[in-house]
């Protein structure tokens, strides 16, 4: 049994990530629906083999646990402040399960219950619940407001999930939810960024230049040198304490050599979407990095592709540009000198490149059947997809942390 794993962001009202729900499945069934020892063993082995700290990037992990996972003490693999034990509502009323959950609660872990029902049989177990997750798939359901109102009256934090449109988000905010999860939330831009200026022309040309199969350092130097603010920021970064240079870099070319093309493309992306107050759409930018890495990694395993590895990276990276620049993606891509194959894949999912993009989107959304079909059509071995996803997620988090440490992005100064 080969398990899949994906993380989905949980945001607060300020569009700041407060945690990730870690979602699992094996080849046939979602793990939390498989209440058996084999499922427990698969998850245990999977968690044991990965660096969970790098994967969740210092955030809190929300993980759904079956009874067998609780029996096997799997929550103990996480620090108490880095895990919320998530359970289905039917599990919490089971006497044995309730005893196990209470034990973890007493050890300092927090507990979330999914789709809790406010019936009399549940009230006796509310003392061990910290969060209640409410399904907003049908956001027109009149009972949602009442569920959230009652939950808040018991002092519980309410998290709305399956927030996939603006109407669902607005209702969840109106009803008093404090956590939000879903495709709409993941793509939402913080209000503070709506007036930020994006270095559209130079940024796009630079991103294409650094992602060529054989990047030309002279071309990159010329592009950077055309923008005084970009030149200043580059020199400031390279001469920071992070690089600890004996002699200060005094030219753009020196700075580029020191920084390296790998860090340059990610740093430029960060810089380009920094608002005047220093804020950034952190999770959306990290999603760009993750998609770029994931696309390029999977391309190595795909058959008969009509794009290169560097183009696959750009396809994933640029997939969020419409949201980041608050323009139709087709209009943004029309300004960028990238191949028609990449543009058509992003806009209309055409060709094998489009199939590759569909594969990573399906994986992100935990649409396992659709993901498997797309991967098999490309010849990608499905058993290694989860491993590559986890590697890319950990790498992105590590790179992000280094870049944030080496810059002043978080201090609100330019």
Foldseek 3Di string as FASTA:
>chain_A
DFKFWAWFFKAFPQLDTQWTEIWMDDPPGTLQVDQDDVSLVNVLVVVVPADVCLLTLNHAYEYEDHQNNLVVVVVVVDDQRRYEHEYEQVQCLPVSSVVSLVVVLVVRHAYEYEPHDPDPSRPVSCVRHAEYEYECCVVVPPCPLVVLVVCVVVVHAYEYEQPEDPVSVVVCVVSPHGIYTHDCSLLAWRPLQPPFAFPQQLLQALLVQLLDPDHDLVVNQVSQVVDPVSFVQLQLLCQFVLVPDPDRDDGPSSSPVSCDSVLVSLLSLLVRRQGLQLDGSVSLQLQLQLQLQLQLVQVVQFPPDPDHSSLSSVLSNLLSVCSSVVHPSLVSVVSHPDDPVSSCLSPPLDDLSVLSSQLVVCSNVVVSVSNVVSCVVRRGPPSCSSVSSSVSSSVSSVSVVSSVVSHCSRVRHD
